[in-house]
């Protein structure tokens, strides 16, 4: 089968011929139709410090996918050949306290497909049946291929009650933009998203026409708060940028007792003015991945009930043009980029 592999410990990926995976009794074989390129895949492409310390070579990368089940292990029940699906890319153990309590997303032994185990940038993917998420007919393959990052957005946005709340999102990457769409769908009153990339802010307005996009180089959040008629500031902050300045702006812009969900990952250690957080009585929650499987249930329900994130996909390439896809992602001017394996 065709596969995109990190064959060598250096920048780039390579198209290779790899054996079709053999499945075990509790696994399924999925014929991949479409995949999304993730920020993690960019780290692996660039072979930065995190990637070189984490990803063994050779490794078939990729973890955002939609496809069709073509083979089922002998102990698998509830799934059928020909069934369309996506899947949870975090592979968990069953022995930890967290897993035994049903908090699967907190299992400390979690491994990632495309990072620690052979991934989805291939014509076929082996996956535990436990991780399979069936796709309803109303969700097309290209949306199925970005459910993983949409799940990050949903997990972050739904960390706190948003009904009637004023929400600040820092970082207008694809996940931040999808979080804005989720916040609106969940009943937030005002949704403001900040960045310093005008292309990303323009995309945010295209995907979520009711969002207030703010280039913080040109506009002060204090002025936006006044413009929107808020008296004290934002109730909830969703930090998606991994930028310390953005987090500092968020803390200053929140009401007393405000809440922050952190998904963005700062590079290295960052100085934090903890006194401001303490004196403003701010609650902070770190977010990693998706809740298994409540996040998947919530986002599929929202997609079936009118949530539209389709315009966050700005590029689609045949897999043989994967270099063009990665160049689009690396440009900083794209939304989600999808590779077609059909």
Protein backbone atom coordinates (compact mmCIF):
# COMPACT_ATOMS: atom_id res chain seq x y z
CA UNK A 1 0.00 0.00 0.00
CA UNK A 2 0.97 3.64 -0.40
CA UNK A 3 1.96 5.36 2.82
CA UNK A 4 3.53 8.63 3.92
CA UNK A 5 6.40 7.79 6.21
CA UNK A 6 8.92 9.60 8.33
CA UNK A 7 11.64 7.39 6.93
CA UNK A 8 14.65 9.38 8.08
CA UNK A 9 15.35 11.61 11.10
CA UNK A 10 15.25 14.84 9.10
CA UNK A 11 12.73 17.29 7.68
CA UNK A 12 10.09 15.96 5.28
CA UNK A 13 7.99 12.85 4.67
CA UNK A 14 8.46 10.17 2.03
CA UNK A 15 5.95 8.22 -0.05
CA UNK A 16 6.73 4.53 0.39
CA UNK A 17 5.27 1.12 -0.31
CA UNK A 18 4.41 -0.54 3.00
CA UNK A 19 2.75 -3.87 3.83
CA UNK A 20 -0.99 -3.76 4.51
CA UNK A 21 -1.36 -4.16 8.30
CA UNK A 22 -2.50 -7.50 9.71
CA UNK A 23 -5.25 -7.11 12.30
CA UNK A 24 -5.72 -8.89 15.60
CA UNK A 25 -8.93 -10.37 17.02
CA UNK A 26 -10.05 -7.07 18.57
CA UNK A 27 -9.09 -4.84 15.66
CA UNK A 28 -10.46 -3.69 12.32
CA UNK A 29 -8.80 -2.79 9.04
CA UNK A 30 -9.92 0.53 7.60
CA UNK A 31 -9.52 1.59 3.98
CA UNK A 32 -8.61 5.25 4.29
CA UNK A 33 -10.49 7.68 2.06
CA UNK A 34 -9.41 11.09 3.34
CA UNK A 35 -6.98 12.42 5.92
CA UNK A 36 -6.39 15.80 7.50
CA UNK A 37 -2.98 17.37 8.05
CA UNK A 38 -2.57 18.33 11.71
CA UNK A 39 -0.24 20.71 13.51
CA UNK A 40 1.37 17.60 15.01
CA UNK A 41 2.12 16.41 11.47
CA UNK A 42 3.83 19.74 10.81
CA UNK A 43 6.05 19.24 13.87
CA UNK A 44 6.93 15.79 12.52
CA UNK A 45 7.53 17.16 9.01
CA UNK A 46 9.83 19.88 10.40
CA UNK A 47 11.52 17.35 12.70
CA UNK A 48 11.67 19.83 15.57
CA UNK A 49 12.92 19.05 19.08
CA UNK A 50 9.60 17.55 20.18
CA UNK A 51 9.33 15.30 17.11
CA UNK A 52 12.91 14.09 17.23
CA UNK A 53 12.51 13.21 20.91
CA UNK A 54 9.12 11.52 20.49
CA UNK A 55 8.68 9.86 17.10
CA UNK A 56 10.69 6.75 16.21
CA UNK A 57 11.72 6.24 12.60
CA UNK A 58 10.52 4.79 10.34
CA UNK A 59 6.94 5.76 11.21
CA UNK A 60 3.81 6.13 9.08
CA UNK A 61 2.41 9.41 10.32
CA UNK A 62 -1.09 10.96 10.37
CA UNK A 63 -4.02 10.51 12.73
CA UNK A 64 -6.96 12.47 11.25
CA UNK A 65 -8.93 10.23 8.91
CA UNK A 66 -12.19 8.97 7.49
CA UNK A 67 -12.57 5.64 5.77
CA UNK A 68 -14.43 2.36 5.44
CA UNK A 69 -14.09 -0.89 7.39
CA UNK A 70 -12.90 -3.67 5.10
CA UNK A 71 -11.92 -6.39 7.58
CA UNK A 72 -13.04 -7.24 11.11
CA UNK A 73 -11.26 -9.26 13.80
CA UNK A 74 -12.94 -12.41 15.03
CA UNK A 75 -13.86 -10.96 18.46
CA UNK A 76 -15.28 -7.66 17.15
CA UNK A 77 -18.99 -7.02 17.56
CA UNK A 78 -21.22 -4.09 16.64
CA UNK A 79 -19.29 -3.12 13.51
CA UNK A 80 -19.69 -4.29 9.93
CA UNK A 81 -17.68 -4.48 6.73
CA UNK A 82 -18.45 -1.52 4.49
CA UNK A 83 -19.26 0.75 7.46
CA UNK A 84 -17.95 4.31 7.16
CA UNK A 85 -16.00 5.52 10.15
CA UNK A 86 -13.50 7.84 11.73
CA UNK A 87 -11.69 6.95 14.92
CA UNK A 88 -10.05 8.09 18.13
CA UNK A 89 -6.31 8.29 17.56
CA UNK A 90 -5.35 7.91 21.22
CA UNK A 91 -4.65 4.27 22.04
CA UNK A 92 -5.17 3.61 25.73
CA UNK A 93 -4.36 0.94 28.25
CA UNK A 94 -6.86 -0.63 30.62
CA UNK A 95 -4.86 -0.98 33.83
CA UNK A 96 -4.58 2.61 35.07
CA UNK A 97 -6.83 4.06 37.73
CA UNK A 98 -8.13 6.57 35.19
CA UNK A 99 -9.09 3.94 32.61
CA UNK A 100 -10.67 1.68 35.21
CA UNK A 101 -12.77 4.67 36.30
CA UNK A 102 -13.93 5.22 32.71
CA UNK A 103 -11.81 8.37 32.26
CA UNK A 104 -10.11 6.94 29.20
CA UNK A 105 -8.78 10.27 27.91
CA UNK A 106 -6.70 10.62 31.09
CA UNK A 107 -4.90 7.29 30.80
CA UNK A 108 -1.20 8.05 31.43
CA UNK A 109 -0.13 5.24 29.11
CA UNK A 110 -1.83 6.73 26.06
CA UNK A 111 -0.06 6.23 22.73
CA UNK A 112 -0.88 8.05 19.51
CA UNK A 113 -1.36 6.62 16.03
CA UNK A 114 0.99 8.37 13.64
CA UNK A 115 3.24 9.31 16.58
CA UNK A 116 3.99 6.18 18.60
CA UNK A 117 2.14 3.63 16.43
CA UNK A 118 1.80 3.32 12.64
CA UNK A 119 -0.66 5.95 11.47
CA UNK A 120 -3.38 6.94 9.05
CA UNK A 121 -1.37 8.49 6.19
CA UNK A 122 -1.78 5.23 4.31
CA UNK A 123 -4.26 3.37 2.17
CA UNK A 124 -5.07 1.07 5.08
CA UNK A 125 -5.07 1.58 8.85
CA UNK A 126 -5.25 -0.99 11.63
CA UNK A 127 -7.25 0.28 14.61
CA UNK A 128 -8.69 -1.27 17.79
CA UNK A 129 -12.44 -1.71 17.39
CA UNK A 130 -12.78 0.18 20.69
CA UNK A 131 -11.47 3.31 18.94
CA UNK A 132 -13.75 3.19 15.91
CA UNK A 133 -16.36 5.96 15.60
CA UNK A 134 -19.06 5.16 13.00
CA UNK A 135 -19.98 8.04 10.70
CA UNK A 136 -23.62 8.84 9.95
CA UNK A 137 -24.49 9.31 6.29
CA UNK A 138 -24.98 13.05 6.85
CA UNK A 139 -21.27 13.59 7.63
CA UNK A 140 -19.13 13.51 4.45
CA UNK A 141 -15.64 12.04 4.37
CA UNK A 142 -13.88 15.42 4.39
CA UNK A 143 -15.62 16.36 7.65
CA UNK A 144 -15.02 12.88 9.03
CA UNK A 145 -11.32 13.45 8.31
CA UNK A 146 -11.20 16.51 10.60
CA UNK A 147 -13.27 15.20 13.51
CA UNK A 148 -10.10 14.72 15.56
CA UNK A 149 -9.24 18.47 15.64
CA UNK A 150 -12.92 19.40 15.80
CA UNK A 151 -13.00 17.18 18.88
CA UNK A 152 -10.19 19.25 20.41
CA UNK A 153 -12.28 22.37 19.77
CA UNK A 154 -15.41 20.77 21.23
CA UNK A 155 -13.61 19.44 24.30
CA UNK A 156 -12.11 22.88 24.96
CA UNK A 157 -15.23 24.93 24.24
CA UNK A 158 -17.55 22.71 26.27
CA UNK A 159 -15.24 22.69 29.30
CA UNK A 160 -17.52 25.34 30.80
CA UNK A 161 -21.16 26.36 30.37
CA UNK A 162 -21.34 28.82 27.46
CA UNK A 163 -25.06 29.59 27.32
CA UNK A 164 -25.43 33.38 27.39
CA UNK A 165 -21.73 33.87 28.16
CA UNK A 166 -19.19 36.18 26.53
CA UNK A 167 -16.31 34.12 25.14
CA UNK A 168 -12.78 35.15 24.19
CA UNK A 169 -10.73 32.83 21.96
CA UNK A 170 -7.01 33.55 21.53
CA UNK A 171 -5.55 31.97 18.40
CA UNK A 172 -7.40 31.83 15.07
CA UNK A 173 -5.93 28.60 13.79
CA UNK A 174 -8.36 25.98 12.51
CA UNK A 175 -9.08 24.63 16.00
CA UNK A 176 -9.66 28.11 17.42
CA UNK A 177 -12.00 28.93 14.54
CA UNK A 178 -13.93 25.69 15.02
CA UNK A 179 -14.15 26.46 18.74
CA UNK A 180 -15.77 29.78 17.82
CA UNK A 181 -18.35 27.91 15.76
CA UNK A 182 -18.99 25.51 18.64
CA UNK A 183 -19.33 28.38 21.14
CA UNK A 184 -21.92 30.05 18.94
CA UNK A 185 -23.78 26.78 18.48
CA UNK A 186 -23.74 26.24 22.25
CA UNK A 187 -25.44 29.58 22.89
CA UNK A 188 -22.64 32.02 23.69
CA UNK A 189 -23.70 35.67 23.53
CA UNK A 190 -20.56 37.34 22.17
CA UNK A 191 -17.66 35.39 20.65
CA UNK A 192 -14.40 37.25 20.03
CA UNK A 193 -11.34 35.65 18.43
CA UNK A 194 -7.88 37.25 18.38
CA UNK A 195 -4.74 36.72 16.35
CA UNK A 196 -2.03 38.67 14.52
CA UNK A 197 -2.49 36.78 11.22
CA UNK A 198 -4.97 38.68 9.03
CA UNK A 199 -5.54 35.67 6.76
CA UNK A 200 -6.58 33.52 9.69
CA UNK A 201 -8.85 36.26 11.07
CA UNK A 202 -10.48 36.63 7.67
CA UNK A 203 -11.03 32.87 7.58
CA UNK A 204 -12.60 33.03 11.05
CA UNK A 205 -15.15 35.56 9.79
CA UNK A 206 -15.80 33.38 6.74
CA UNK A 207 -16.42 30.24 8.80
CA UNK A 208 -18.31 31.97 11.64
CA UNK A 209 -19.88 35.17 10.25
CA UNK A 210 -21.11 36.26 13.70
CA UNK A 211 -17.67 36.13 15.35
CA UNK A 212 -15.85 39.39 16.16
CA UNK A 213 -12.31 38.95 14.80
CA UNK A 214 -9.63 41.15 16.38
CA UNK A 215 -6.09 41.81 15.18
CA UNK A 216 -4.53 42.71 18.52
CA UNK A 217 -1.79 44.66 16.77
CA UNK A 218 -4.38 47.19 15.66
CA UNK A 219 -7.21 46.94 18.19
CA UNK A 220 -7.30 46.86 21.98
CA UNK A 221 -9.51 44.28 23.65
CA UNK A 222 -10.68 46.98 26.07
CA UNK A 223 -12.20 48.84 23.12
CA UNK A 224 -13.87 45.66 21.82
CA UNK A 225 -15.35 44.96 25.26
CA UNK A 226 -16.82 48.48 25.28
CA UNK A 227 -18.05 48.14 21.68
CA UNK A 228 -19.96 44.95 22.50
CA UNK A 229 -21.58 46.43 25.58
CA UNK A 230 -19.88 44.17 28.11
CA UNK A 231 -19.52 45.79 31.51
CA UNK A 232 -16.76 43.75 33.17
CA UNK A 233 -15.13 41.57 30.52
CA UNK A 234 -15.33 38.04 29.17
CA UNK A 235 -16.78 35.17 31.18
CA UNK A 236 -14.88 32.34 29.48
CA UNK A 237 -11.52 32.22 27.72
CA UNK A 238 -10.39 29.50 25.29
CA UNK A 239 -6.63 29.73 24.81
CA UNK A 240 -5.63 28.12 21.51
CA UNK A 241 -2.45 29.97 20.54
CA UNK A 242 0.23 28.76 22.94
CA UNK A 243 1.36 32.39 23.12
CA UNK A 244 2.15 33.88 26.53
CA UNK A 245 1.19 37.41 25.49
CA UNK A 246 -2.21 36.12 24.38
CA UNK A 247 -2.73 34.36 27.72
CA UNK A 248 -1.77 37.53 29.60
CA UNK A 249 -4.29 39.52 27.53
CA UNK A 250 -6.93 36.90 28.27
CA UNK A 251 -6.35 37.07 32.03
CA UNK A 252 -6.66 40.85 31.98
CA UNK A 253 -9.83 40.72 29.87
CA UNK A 254 -11.74 38.21 32.01
CA UNK A 255 -14.30 39.03 34.68
CA UNK A 256 -13.61 38.26 38.32
CA UNK A 257 -14.15 34.53 38.69
CA UNK A 258 -13.69 33.93 34.97
CA UNK A 259 -12.75 30.56 33.52
CA UNK A 260 -10.01 29.57 31.08
CA UNK A 261 -9.62 26.33 29.10
CA UNK A 262 -6.05 25.90 27.83
CA UNK A 263 -5.43 23.89 24.66
CA UNK A 264 -2.52 25.89 23.19
CA UNK A 265 0.95 24.64 24.09
CA UNK A 266 3.63 27.29 24.73
CA UNK A 267 7.13 26.55 23.43
CA UNK A 268 9.15 25.70 26.53
CA UNK A 269 8.54 27.40 29.86
CA UNK A 270 6.64 30.68 30.09
CA UNK A 271 6.51 33.27 32.87
CA UNK A 272 3.04 33.55 34.39
CA UNK A 273 1.81 36.34 36.66
CA UNK A 274 0.08 33.98 39.05
CA UNK A 275 -0.91 36.82 41.38
CA UNK A 276 -3.29 38.18 38.74
CA UNK A 277 -4.86 34.75 38.33
CA UNK A 278 -5.23 34.30 42.08
CA UNK A 279 -6.59 37.79 42.81
CA UNK A 280 -9.08 37.49 39.94
CA UNK A 281 -10.15 34.04 41.23
CA UNK A 282 -9.73 32.53 37.75
CA UNK A 283 -10.31 28.82 37.13
CA UNK A 284 -7.90 27.19 34.65
CA UNK A 285 -8.42 23.81 33.00
CA UNK A 286 -5.82 22.10 30.83
CA UNK A 287 -7.28 20.28 27.83
CA UNK A 288 -5.67 17.34 26.04
CA UNK A 289 -7.27 15.50 23.15
CA UNK A 290 -10.92 14.50 23.40
CA UNK A 291 -13.01 12.98 26.15
CA UNK A 292 -13.54 9.38 25.13
CA UNK A 293 -16.19 9.16 23.93
CA UNK A 294 -18.42 11.94 25.16
CA UNK A 295 -16.71 14.53 22.94
CA UNK A 296 -17.33 12.38 19.87
CA UNK A 297 -20.99 12.01 20.81
CA UNK A 298 -21.41 15.75 21.35
CA UNK A 299 -19.72 16.86 18.13
CA UNK A 300 -21.54 14.36 15.93
CA UNK A 301 -24.83 15.44 17.54
CA UNK A 302 -23.99 19.10 16.86
CA UNK A 303 -23.00 18.38 13.25
CA UNK A 304 -26.29 16.59 12.73
CA UNK A 305 -28.07 19.53 14.35
CA UNK A 306 -26.67 22.32 12.21
CA UNK A 307 -23.08 22.98 13.30
CA UNK A 308 -21.21 23.86 10.10
CA UNK A 309 -17.40 23.91 10.04
CA UNK A 310 -17.02 22.90 6.40
CA UNK A 311 -15.53 26.24 5.34
CA UNK A 312 -12.56 25.73 7.65
CA UNK A 313 -11.30 23.29 4.98
CA UNK A 314 -9.49 25.53 2.51
CA UNK A 315 -7.46 23.00 0.50
CA UNK A 316 -7.84 19.43 -0.70
CA UNK A 317 -5.11 17.56 -2.61
CA UNK A 318 -4.68 14.10 -4.04
CA UNK A 319 -2.25 12.27 -1.80
CA UNK A 320 0.40 12.24 -4.52
CA UNK A 321 0.44 16.04 -4.09
CA UNK A 322 1.13 15.78 -0.37
CA UNK A 323 4.04 18.22 -0.60
CA UNK A 324 1.64 20.90 -1.85
CA UNK A 325 -0.61 20.13 1.10
CA UNK A 326 2.20 20.55 3.60
CA UNK A 327 3.36 23.73 1.87
CA UNK A 328 -0.16 25.13 2.25
CA UNK A 329 -0.12 24.32 5.97
CA UNK A 330 3.38 25.74 6.42
CA UNK A 331 2.36 29.00 4.72
CA UNK A 332 0.19 30.01 7.68
CA UNK A 333 -2.52 31.12 5.26
CA UNK A 334 -4.56 27.91 5.12
CA UNK A 335 -7.31 26.44 7.20
CA UNK A 336 -7.56 22.67 7.36
CA UNK A 337 -5.85 20.78 4.53
CA UNK A 338 -7.26 17.42 3.44
CA UNK A 339 -5.49 14.68 1.48
CA UNK A 340 -7.60 12.41 -0.73
CA UNK A 341 -6.52 8.75 -0.79
CA UNK A 342 -9.27 7.52 -3.11
